[in-house]
Amino acid sequence: RVVWGSDHPVVTKTGSLTRWVEASREIVKGASPDEQARLFHRN
């Protein structure tokens, strides 16, 4: 029941798209590939 969004360009007020994507991947890197796929596109 989770999806991922960039909120670009609001994300640039305190960072960047690149930093947000990298942070998101770092936070969920311990999850399984299937769980990550659900968050990032499948759901």
All heavy atoms as atom14 arrays in JSON, in Angstrom:
{
  "sequence": "RVVWGSDHPVVTKTGSLTRWVEASREIVKGASPDEQARLFHRN",
  "atom14_mask": [
    [1, 1, 1, 1, 1, 1, 1, 1, 1, 1, 1, 0, 0, 0],
    [1, 1, 1, 1, 1, 1, 1, 0, 0, 0, 0, 0, 0, 0],
    [1, 1, 1, 1, 1, 1, 1, 0, 0, 0, 0, 0, 0, 0],
    [1, 1, 1, 1, 1, 1, 1, 1, 1, 1, 1, 1, 1, 1],
    [1, 1, 1, 1, 0, 0, 0, 0, 0, 0, 0, 0, 0, 0],
    [1, 1, 1, 1, 1, 1, 0, 0, 0, 0, 0, 0, 0, 0],
    [1, 1, 1, 1, 1, 1, 1, 1, 0, 0, 0, 0, 0, 0],
    [1, 1, 1, 1, 1, 1, 1, 1, 1, 1, 0, 0, 0, 0],
    [1, 1, 1, 1, 1, 1, 1, 0, 0, 0, 0, 0, 0, 0],
    [1, 1, 1, 1, 1, 1, 1, 0, 0, 0, 0, 0, 0, 0],
    [1, 1, 1, 1, 1, 1, 1, 0, 0, 0, 0, 0, 0, 0],
    [1, 1, 1, 1, 1, 1, 1, 0, 0, 0, 0, 0, 0, 0],
    [1, 1, 1, 1, 1, 1, 1, 1, 1, 0, 0, 0, 0, 0],
    [1, 1, 1, 1, 1, 1, 1, 0, 0, 0, 0, 0, 0, 0],
    [1, 1, 1, 1, 0, 0, 0, 0, 0, 0, 0, 0, 0, 0],
    [1, 1, 1, 1, 1, 1, 0, 0, 0, 0, 0, 0, 0, 0],
    [1, 1, 1, 1, 1, 1, 1, 1, 0, 0, 0, 0, 0, 0],
    [1, 1, 1, 1, 1, 1, 1, 0, 0, 0, 0, 0, 0, 0],
    [1, 1, 1, 1, 1, 1, 1, 1, 1, 1, 1, 0, 0, 0],
    [1, 1, 1, 1, 1, 1, 1, 1, 1, 1, 1, 1, 1, 1],
    [1, 1, 1, 1, 1, 1, 1, 0, 0, 0, 0, 0, 0, 0],
    [1, 1, 1, 1, 1, 1, 1, 1, 1, 0, 0, 0, 0, 0],
    [1, 1, 1, 1, 1, 0, 0, 0, 0, 0, 0, 0, 0, 0],
    [1, 1, 1, 1, 1, 1, 0, 0, 0, 0, 0, 0, 0, 0],
    [1, 1, 1, 1, 1, 1, 1, 1, 1, 1, 1, 0, 0, 0],
    [1, 1, 1, 1, 1, 1, 1, 1, 1, 0, 0, 0, 0, 0],
    [1, 1, 1, 1, 1, 1, 1, 1, 0, 0, 0, 0, 0, 0],
    [1, 1, 1, 1, 1, 1, 1, 0, 0, 0, 0, 0, 0, 0],
    [1, 1, 1, 1, 1, 1, 1, 1, 1, 0, 0, 0, 0, 0],
    [1, 1, 1, 1, 0, 0, 0, 0, 0, 0, 0, 0, 0, 0],
    [1, 1, 1, 1, 1, 0, 0, 0, 0, 0, 0, 0, 0, 0],
    [1, 1, 1, 1, 1, 1, 0, 0, 0, 0, 0, 0, 0, 0],
    [1, 1, 1, 1, 1, 1, 1, 0, 0, 0, 0, 0, 0, 0],
    [1, 1, 1, 1, 1, 1, 1, 1, 0, 0, 0, 0, 0, 0],
    [1, 1, 1, 1, 1, 1, 1, 1, 1, 0, 0, 0, 0, 0],
    [1, 1, 1, 1, 1, 1, 1, 1, 1, 0, 0, 0, 0, 0],
    [1, 1, 1, 1, 1, 0, 0, 0, 0, 0, 0, 0, 0, 0],
    [1, 1, 1, 1, 1, 1, 1, 1, 1, 1, 1, 0, 0, 0],
    [1, 1, 1, 1, 1, 1, 1, 1, 0, 0, 0, 0, 0, 0],
    [1, 1, 1, 1, 1, 1, 1, 1, 1, 1, 1, 0, 0, 0],
    [1, 1, 1, 1, 1, 1, 1, 1, 1, 1, 0, 0, 0, 0],
    [1, 1, 1, 1, 1, 1, 1, 1, 1, 1, 1, 0, 0, 0],
    [1, 1, 1, 1, 1, 1, 1, 1, 0, 0, 0, 0, 0, 0]
  ],
  "atom14_positions": [
    [[0.82, -1.22, 0.0], [0.0, 0.0, 0.0], [0.85, 1.27, 0.0], [0.41, 2.31, 0.46], [-0.95, -0.01, 1.21], [-1.99, -1.12, 1.15], [-2.69, -1.29, 2.5], [-3.33, -0.06, 2.93], [-3.6, 0.21, 4.23], [-3.25, -0.63, 5.19], [-4.19, 1.36, 4.55], [0.0, 0.0, 0.0], [0.0, 0.0, 0.0], [0.0, 0.0, 0.0]],
    [[2.05, 1.17, -0.53], [2.92, 2.35, -0.62], [3.38, 2.55, -2.05], [3.61, 1.6, -2.79], [4.15, 2.22, 0.32], [3.73, 2.36, 1.77], [4.89, 0.91, 0.09], [0.0, 0.0, 0.0], [0.0, 0.0, 0.0], [0.0, 0.0, 0.0], [0.0, 0.0, 0.0], [0.0, 0.0, 0.0], [0.0, 0.0, 0.0], [0.0, 0.0, 0.0]],
    [[3.49, 3.81, -2.45], [4.03, 4.19, -3.76], [5.09, 5.26, -3.52], [5.18, 5.84, -2.44], [2.93, 4.71, -4.7], [1.89, 3.63, -4.98], [2.25, 5.96, -4.15], [0.0, 0.0, 0.0], [0.0, 0.0, 0.0], [0.0, 0.0, 0.0], [0.0, 0.0, 0.0], [0.0, 0.0, 0.0], [0.0, 0.0, 0.0], [0.0, 0.0, 0.0]],
    [[5.87, 5.53, -4.56], [6.96, 6.51, -4.43], [6.7, 7.7, -5.36], [6.22, 7.53, -6.48], [8.29, 5.86, -4.82], [9.49, 6.75, -4.61], [10.27, 6.85, -3.49], [10.05, 7.67, -5.55], [11.27, 7.78, -3.67], [11.16, 8.3, -4.94], [9.73, 8.04, -6.86], [11.94, 9.26, -5.58], [10.49, 9.0, -7.51], [11.59, 9.6, -6.87]],
    [[7.03, 8.9, -4.87], [6.89, 10.1, -5.7], [8.05, 11.05, -5.48], [8.62, 11.13, -4.38], [0.0, 0.0, 0.0], [0.0, 0.0, 0.0], [0.0, 0.0, 0.0], [0.0, 0.0, 0.0], [0.0, 0.0, 0.0], [0.0, 0.0, 0.0], [0.0, 0.0, 0.0], [0.0, 0.0, 0.0], [0.0, 0.0, 0.0], [0.0, 0.0, 0.0]],
    [[8.38, 11.81, -6.51], [9.51, 12.73, -6.42], [9.13, 14.07, -5.79], [9.94, 14.72, -5.14], [10.11, 12.99, -7.8], [9.25, 13.81, -8.59], [0.0, 0.0, 0.0], [0.0, 0.0, 0.0], [0.0, 0.0, 0.0], [0.0, 0.0, 0.0], [0.0, 0.0, 0.0], [0.0, 0.0, 0.0], [0.0, 0.0, 0.0], [0.0, 0.0, 0.0]],
    [[7.91, 14.53, -6.03], [7.49, 15.89, -5.68], [8.4, 16.93, -6.34], [8.66, 17.99, -5.78], [7.45, 16.1, -4.16], [6.65, 17.35, -3.76], [5.75, 17.73, -4.53], [6.94, 17.91, -2.7], [0.0, 0.0, 0.0], [0.0, 0.0, 0.0], [0.0, 0.0, 0.0], [0.0, 0.0, 0.0], [0.0, 0.0, 0.0], [0.0, 0.0, 0.0]],
    [[8.87, 16.62, -7.52], [9.68, 17.57, -8.28], [8.77, 18.62, -8.92], [7.7, 18.28, -9.41], [10.44, 16.81, -9.39], [11.48, 17.63, -10.07], [11.2, 18.43, -11.15], [12.8, 17.79, -9.82], [12.3, 19.03, -11.54], [13.29, 18.67, -10.76], [0.0, 0.0, 0.0], [0.0, 0.0, 0.0], [0.0, 0.0, 0.0], [0.0, 0.0, 0.0]],
    [[9.09, 19.92, -8.86], [10.35, 20.52, -8.43], [10.4, 20.98, -6.99], [11.39, 21.58, -6.57], [10.46, 21.72, -9.36], [9.03, 22.18, -9.5], [8.21, 20.9, -9.54], [0.0, 0.0, 0.0], [0.0, 0.0, 0.0], [0.0, 0.0, 0.0], [0.0, 0.0, 0.0], [0.0, 0.0, 0.0], [0.0, 0.0, 0.0], [0.0, 0.0, 0.0]],
    [[9.33, 20.73, -6.2], [9.35, 21.16, -4.8], [10.55, 20.55, -4.07], [11.12, 21.15, -3.15], [8.03, 20.8, -4.1], [8.02, 21.28, -2.65], [6.84, 21.41, -4.85], [0.0, 0.0, 0.0], [0.0, 0.0, 0.0], [0.0, 0.0, 0.0], [0.0, 0.0, 0.0], [0.0, 0.0, 0.0], [0.0, 0.0, 0.0], [0.0, 0.0, 0.0]],
    [[10.95, 19.36, -4.51], [12.09, 18.68, -3.91], [13.37, 19.51, -3.99], [14.29, 19.34, -3.18], [12.27, 17.3, -4.59], [12.8, 17.44, -5.98], [13.17, 16.38, -3.78], [0.0, 0.0, 0.0], [0.0, 0.0, 0.0], [0.0, 0.0, 0.0], [0.0, 0.0, 0.0], [0.0, 0.0, 0.0], [0.0, 0.0, 0.0], [0.0, 0.0, 0.0]],
    [[13.45, 20.43, -4.94], [14.67, 21.22, -5.12], [14.81, 22.32, -4.06], [15.88, 22.93, -3.96], [14.71, 21.86, -6.51], [13.65, 22.82, -6.64], [14.59, 20.82, -7.61], [0.0, 0.0, 0.0], [0.0, 0.0, 0.0], [0.0, 0.0, 0.0], [0.0, 0.0, 0.0], [0.0, 0.0, 0.0], [0.0, 0.0, 0.0], [0.0, 0.0, 0.0]],
    [[13.78, 22.57, -3.27], [13.86, 23.62, -2.25], [14.87, 23.27, -1.17], [15.51, 24.16, -0.59], [12.49, 23.86, -1.62], [11.47, 24.46, -2.57], [10.11, 24.63, -1.92], [10.1, 25.68, -0.85], [8.74, 25.9, -0.3], [0.0, 0.0, 0.0], [0.0, 0.0, 0.0], [0.0, 0.0, 0.0], [0.0, 0.0, 0.0], [0.0, 0.0, 0.0]],
    [[15.02, 22.0, -0.87], [15.96, 21.57, 0.18], [16.86, 20.44, -0.3], [17.44, 19.73, 0.53], [15.2, 21.1, 1.44], [14.27, 20.08, 1.07], [14.47, 22.25, 2.1], [0.0, 0.0, 0.0], [0.0, 0.0, 0.0], [0.0, 0.0, 0.0], [0.0, 0.0, 0.0], [0.0, 0.0, 0.0], [0.0, 0.0, 0.0], [0.0, 0.0, 0.0]],
    [[16.95, 20.24, -1.59], [17.79, 19.16, -2.1], [17.7, 19.09, -3.61], [17.72, 20.1, -4.29], [0.0, 0.0, 0.0], [0.0, 0.0, 0.0], [0.0, 0.0, 0.0], [0.0, 0.0, 0.0], [0.0, 0.0, 0.0], [0.0, 0.0, 0.0], [0.0, 0.0, 0.0], [0.0, 0.0, 0.0], [0.0, 0.0, 0.0], [0.0, 0.0, 0.0]],
    [[17.58, 17.88, -4.11], [17.48, 17.67, -5.55], [16.79, 16.34, -5.79], [16.67, 15.5, -4.89], [18.86, 17.65, -6.2], [19.6, 16.5, -5.78], [0.0, 0.0, 0.0], [0.0, 0.0, 0.0], [0.0, 0.0, 0.0], [0.0, 0.0, 0.0], [0.0, 0.0, 0.0], [0.0, 0.0, 0.0], [0.0, 0.0, 0.0], [0.0, 0.0, 0.0]],
    [[16.35, 16.15, -7.01], [15.78, 14.87, -7.39], [16.78, 13.75, -7.16], [16.44, 12.68, -6.62], [15.35, 14.91, -8.86], [14.81, 13.61, -9.46], [13.54, 13.17, -8.76], [14.58, 13.77, -10.96], [0.0, 0.0, 0.0], [0.0, 0.0, 0.0], [0.0, 0.0, 0.0], [0.0, 0.0, 0.0], [0.0, 0.0, 0.0], [0.0, 0.0, 0.0]],
    [[18.01, 13.97, -7.55], [19.04, 12.94, -7.41], [19.24, 12.56, -5.95], [19.28, 11.36, -5.61], [20.37, 13.43, -8.01], [20.19, 13.65, -9.41], [21.47, 12.41, -7.81], [0.0, 0.0, 0.0], [0.0, 0.0, 0.0], [0.0, 0.0, 0.0], [0.0, 0.0, 0.0], [0.0, 0.0, 0.0], [0.0, 0.0, 0.0], [0.0, 0.0, 0.0]],
    [[19.33, 13.53, -5.07], [19.53, 13.24, -3.65], [18.35, 12.48, -3.06], [18.52, 11.58, -2.24], [19.75, 14.52, -2.86], [21.13, 15.14, -3.01], [21.31, 16.29, -2.03], [21.34, 15.8, -0.64], [21.11, 16.57, 0.42], [20.82, 17.86, 0.26], [21.17, 16.06, 1.65], [0.0, 0.0, 0.0], [0.0, 0.0, 0.0], [0.0, 0.0, 0.0]],
    [[17.13, 12.82, -3.48], [15.95, 12.16, -2.94], [15.88, 10.7, -3.42], [15.57, 9.8, -2.65], [14.69, 12.93, -3.33], [13.39, 12.26, -3.03], [12.35, 12.12, -3.9], [12.96, 11.66, -1.79], [11.3, 11.46, -3.3], [11.65, 11.17, -2.01], [13.56, 11.47, -0.57], [10.92, 10.51, -1.01], [12.84, 10.8, 0.45], [11.54, 10.34, 0.22]],
    [[16.18, 10.47, -4.69], [16.19, 9.09, -5.19], [17.27, 8.28, -4.47], [17.02, 7.14, -4.03], [16.42, 9.07, -6.71], [16.66, 7.63, -7.19], [15.23, 9.67, -7.44], [0.0, 0.0, 0.0], [0.0, 0.0, 0.0], [0.0, 0.0, 0.0], [0.0, 0.0, 0.0], [0.0, 0.0, 0.0], [0.0, 0.0, 0.0], [0.0, 0.0, 0.0]],
    [[18.44, 8.84, -4.34], [19.53, 8.12, -3.67], [19.18, 7.82, -2.21], [19.45, 6.72, -1.71], [20.83, 8.93, -3.75], [21.4, 9.0, -5.16], [22.6, 9.92, -5.26], [22.83, 10.71, -4.31], [23.31, 9.86, -6.28], [0.0, 0.0, 0.0], [0.0, 0.0, 0.0], [0.0, 0.0, 0.0], [0.0, 0.0, 0.0], [0.0, 0.0, 0.0]],
    [[18.57, 8.78, -1.52], [18.17, 8.56, -0.13], [17.1, 7.49, -0.03], [17.14, 6.63, 0.87], [17.68, 9.88, 0.48], [0.0, 0.0, 0.0], [0.0, 0.0, 0.0], [0.0, 0.0, 0.0], [0.0, 0.0, 0.0], [0.0, 0.0, 0.0], [0.0, 0.0, 0.0], [0.0, 0.0, 0.0], [0.0, 0.0, 0.0], [0.0, 0.0, 0.0]],
    [[16.13, 7.53, -0.94], [15.06, 6.53, -0.93], [15.62, 5.13, -1.11], [15.25, 4.19, -0.4], [14.04, 6.84, -2.02], [13.45, 8.1, -1.84], [0.0, 0.0, 0.0], [0.0, 0.0, 0.0], [0.0, 0.0, 0.0], [0.0, 0.0, 0.0], [0.0, 0.0, 0.0], [0.0, 0.0, 0.0], [0.0, 0.0, 0.0], [0.0, 0.0, 0.0]],
    [[16.52, 4.98, -2.06], [17.12, 3.66, -2.31], [17.95, 3.21, -1.11], [17.93, 2.02, -0.76], [17.99, 3.73, -3.57], [17.22, 3.92, -4.88], [18.15, 3.71, -6.07], [17.53, 4.01, -7.34], [16.73, 3.18, -8.03], [16.44, 1.98, -7.54], [16.24, 3.55, -9.21], [0.0, 0.0, 0.0], [0.0, 0.0, 0.0], [0.0, 0.0, 0.0]],
    [[18.65, 4.13, -0.48], [19.45, 3.77, 0.69], [18.57, 3.3, 1.84], [18.9, 2.31, 2.52], [20.29, 4.98, 1.12], [21.1, 4.78, 2.38], [22.22, 3.76, 2.24], [22.63, 3.46, 1.09], [22.67, 3.24, 3.28], [0.0, 0.0, 0.0], [0.0, 0.0, 0.0], [0.0, 0.0, 0.0], [0.0, 0.0, 0.0], [0.0, 0.0, 0.0]],
    [[17.45, 3.97, 2.06], [16.57, 3.62, 3.18], [15.99, 2.22, 3.02], [15.83, 1.48, 4.0], [15.46, 4.67, 3.33], [16.06, 6.0, 3.81], [14.37, 4.21, 4.29], [15.12, 7.18, 3.72], [0.0, 0.0, 0.0], [0.0, 0.0, 0.0], [0.0, 0.0, 0.0], [0.0, 0.0, 0.0], [0.0, 0.0, 0.0], [0.0, 0.0, 0.0]],
    [[15.68, 1.81, 1.79], [15.02, 0.52, 1.59], [15.96, -0.54, 1.03], [15.51, -1.61, 0.61], [13.79, 0.66, 0.66], [12.79, 1.63, 1.25], [14.19, 1.08, -0.75], [0.0, 0.0, 0.0], [0.0, 0.0, 0.0], [0.0, 0.0, 0.0], [0.0, 0.0, 0.0], [0.0, 0.0, 0.0], [0.0, 0.0, 0.0], [0.0, 0.0, 0.0]],
    [[17.26, -0.29, 1.08], [18.19, -1.24, 0.46], [18.17, -2.61, 1.14], [18.54, -3.62, 0.52], [19.6, -0.68, 0.43], [20.29, -0.59, 1.78], [21.72, -0.07, 1.61], [22.47, -0.05, 2.94], [23.84, 0.48, 2.77], [0.0, 0.0, 0.0], [0.0, 0.0, 0.0], [0.0, 0.0, 0.0], [0.0, 0.0, 0.0], [0.0, 0.0, 0.0]],
    [[17.74, -2.68, 2.38], [17.65, -3.97, 3.06], [16.41, -4.77, 2.73], [16.3, -5.94, 3.11], [0.0, 0.0, 0.0], [0.0, 0.0, 0.0], [0.0, 0.0, 0.0], [0.0, 0.0, 0.0], [0.0, 0.0, 0.0], [0.0, 0.0, 0.0], [0.0, 0.0, 0.0], [0.0, 0.0, 0.0], [0.0, 0.0, 0.0], [0.0, 0.0, 0.0]],
    [[15.47, -4.16, 2.01], [14.25, -4.86, 1.61], [14.55, -5.78, 0.44], [15.54, -5.62, -0.27], [13.17, -3.85, 1.24], [0.0, 0.0, 0.0], [0.0, 0.0, 0.0], [0.0, 0.0, 0.0], [0.0, 0.0, 0.0], [0.0, 0.0, 0.0], [0.0, 0.0, 0.0], [0.0, 0.0, 0.0], [0.0, 0.0, 0.0], [0.0, 0.0, 0.0]],
    [[13.67, -6.74, 0.21], [13.86, -7.67, -0.9], [13.63, -6.96, -2.23], [12.96, -5.91, -2.27], [12.88, -8.83, -0.78], [11.55, -8.39, -1.05], [0.0, 0.0, 0.0], [0.0, 0.0, 0.0], [0.0, 0.0, 0.0], [0.0, 0.0, 0.0], [0.0, 0.0, 0.0], [0.0, 0.0, 0.0], [0.0, 0.0, 0.0], [0.0, 0.0, 0.0]],
    [[14.17, -7.5, -3.31], [13.9, -6.9, -4.63], [12.41, -6.79, -4.92], [11.96, -5.82, -5.53], [14.61, -7.85, -5.6], [15.72, -8.44, -4.79], [15.16, -8.59, -3.4], [0.0, 0.0, 0.0], [0.0, 0.0, 0.0], [0.0, 0.0, 0.0], [0.0, 0.0, 0.0], [0.0, 0.0, 0.0], [0.0, 0.0, 0.0], [0.0, 0.0, 0.0]],
    [[11.63, -7.78, -4.49], [10.18, -7.74, -4.72], [9.55, -6.59, -3.96], [8.69, -5.87, -4.49], [9.55, -9.06, -4.31], [8.05, -9.06, -4.5], [7.58, -9.04, -5.65], [7.31, -9.07, -3.48], [0.0, 0.0, 0.0], [0.0, 0.0, 0.0], [0.0, 0.0, 0.0], [0.0, 0.0, 0.0], [0.0, 0.0, 0.0], [0.0, 0.0, 0.0]],
    [[9.95, -6.38, -2.71], [9.4, -5.28, -1.92], [9.79, -3.94, -2.52], [8.95, -3.02, -2.6], [9.9, -5.4, -0.48], [9.28, -6.56, 0.28], [9.97, -6.85, 1.6], [11.18, -6.54, 1.74], [9.3, -7.42, 2.49], [0.0, 0.0, 0.0], [0.0, 0.0, 0.0], [0.0, 0.0, 0.0], [0.0, 0.0, 0.0], [0.0, 0.0, 0.0]],
    [[11.01, -3.8, -2.94], [11.44, -2.56, -3.57], [10.67, -2.3, -4.86], [10.3, -1.16, -5.15], [12.94, -2.59, -3.84], [13.79, -2.6, -2.57], [15.27, -2.55, -2.88], [15.73, -1.78, -3.71], [16.05, -3.39, -2.2], [0.0, 0.0, 0.0], [0.0, 0.0, 0.0], [0.0, 0.0, 0.0], [0.0, 0.0, 0.0], [0.0, 0.0, 0.0]],
    [[10.42, -3.34, -5.64], [9.67, -3.19, -6.88], [8.25, -2.73, -6.6], [7.68, -1.91, -7.35], [9.66, -4.5, -7.66], [0.0, 0.0, 0.0], [0.0, 0.0, 0.0], [0.0, 0.0, 0.0], [0.0, 0.0, 0.0], [0.0, 0.0, 0.0], [0.0, 0.0, 0.0], [0.0, 0.0, 0.0], [0.0, 0.0, 0.0], [0.0, 0.0, 0.0]],
    [[7.66, -3.21, -5.51], [6.31, -2.78, -5.16], [6.28, -1.28, -4.83], [5.37, -0.57, -5.25], [5.79, -3.6, -3.97], [5.29, -4.99, -4.37], [4.72, -5.73, -3.19], [5.69, -6.66, -2.63], [5.49, -7.38, -1.52], [4.35, -7.23, -0.84], [6.4, -8.21, -1.07], [0.0, 0.0, 0.0], [0.0, 0.0, 0.0], [0.0, 0.0, 0.0]],
    [[7.26, -0.83, -4.08], [7.32, 0.58, -3.72], [7.57, 1.46, -4.94], [6.89, 2.47, -5.14], [8.43, 0.81, -2.69], [8.79, 2.28, -2.4], [7.62, 3.0, -1.74], [10.05, 2.37, -1.53], [0.0, 0.0, 0.0], [0.0, 0.0, 0.0], [0.0, 0.0, 0.0], [0.0, 0.0, 0.0], [0.0, 0.0, 0.0], [0.0, 0.0, 0.0]],
    [[8.53, 1.09, -5.76], [9.01, 1.99, -6.81], [8.2, 1.95, -8.1], [8.25, 2.9, -8.87], [10.48, 1.72, -7.11], [11.42, 2.22, -6.03], [12.26, 1.35, -5.37], [11.44, 3.56, -5.69], [13.14, 1.82, -4.38], [12.3, 4.04, -4.71], [13.15, 3.16, -4.05], [0.0, 0.0, 0.0], [0.0, 0.0, 0.0], [0.0, 0.0, 0.0]],
    [[7.45, 0.88, -8.36], [6.63, 0.92, -9.57], [5.41, 0.0, -9.55], [4.37, 0.36, -10.09], [7.48, 0.62, -10.82], [8.09, -0.75, -10.87], [7.41, -1.84, -11.4], [9.3, -1.21, -10.47], [8.2, -2.91, -11.34], [9.34, -2.55, -10.77], [0.0, 0.0, 0.0], [0.0, 0.0, 0.0], [0.0, 0.0, 0.0], [0.0, 0.0, 0.0]],
    [[5.52, -1.17, -8.93], [4.45, -2.15, -9.11], [3.14, -1.72, -8.47], [2.06, -1.86, -9.06], [4.9, -3.51, -8.57], [3.99, -4.66, -9.02], [4.53, -5.99, -8.54], [5.89, -6.23, -9.06], [6.77, -7.05, -8.47], [6.48, -7.64, -7.33], [7.96, -7.23, -9.03], [0.0, 0.0, 0.0], [0.0, 0.0, 0.0], [0.0, 0.0, 0.0]],
    [[3.2, -1.2, -7.24], [1.96, -0.76, -6.58], [1.32, 0.41, -7.33], [0.09, 0.48, -7.44], [2.25, -0.33, -5.14], [2.6, -1.48, -4.23], [2.36, -2.66, -4.57], [3.21, -1.19, -3.1], [0.0, 0.0, 0.0], [0.0, 0.0, 0.0], [0.0, 0.0, 0.0], [0.0, 0.0, 0.0], [0.0, 0.0, 0.0], [0.0, 0.0, 0.0]]
  ]
}
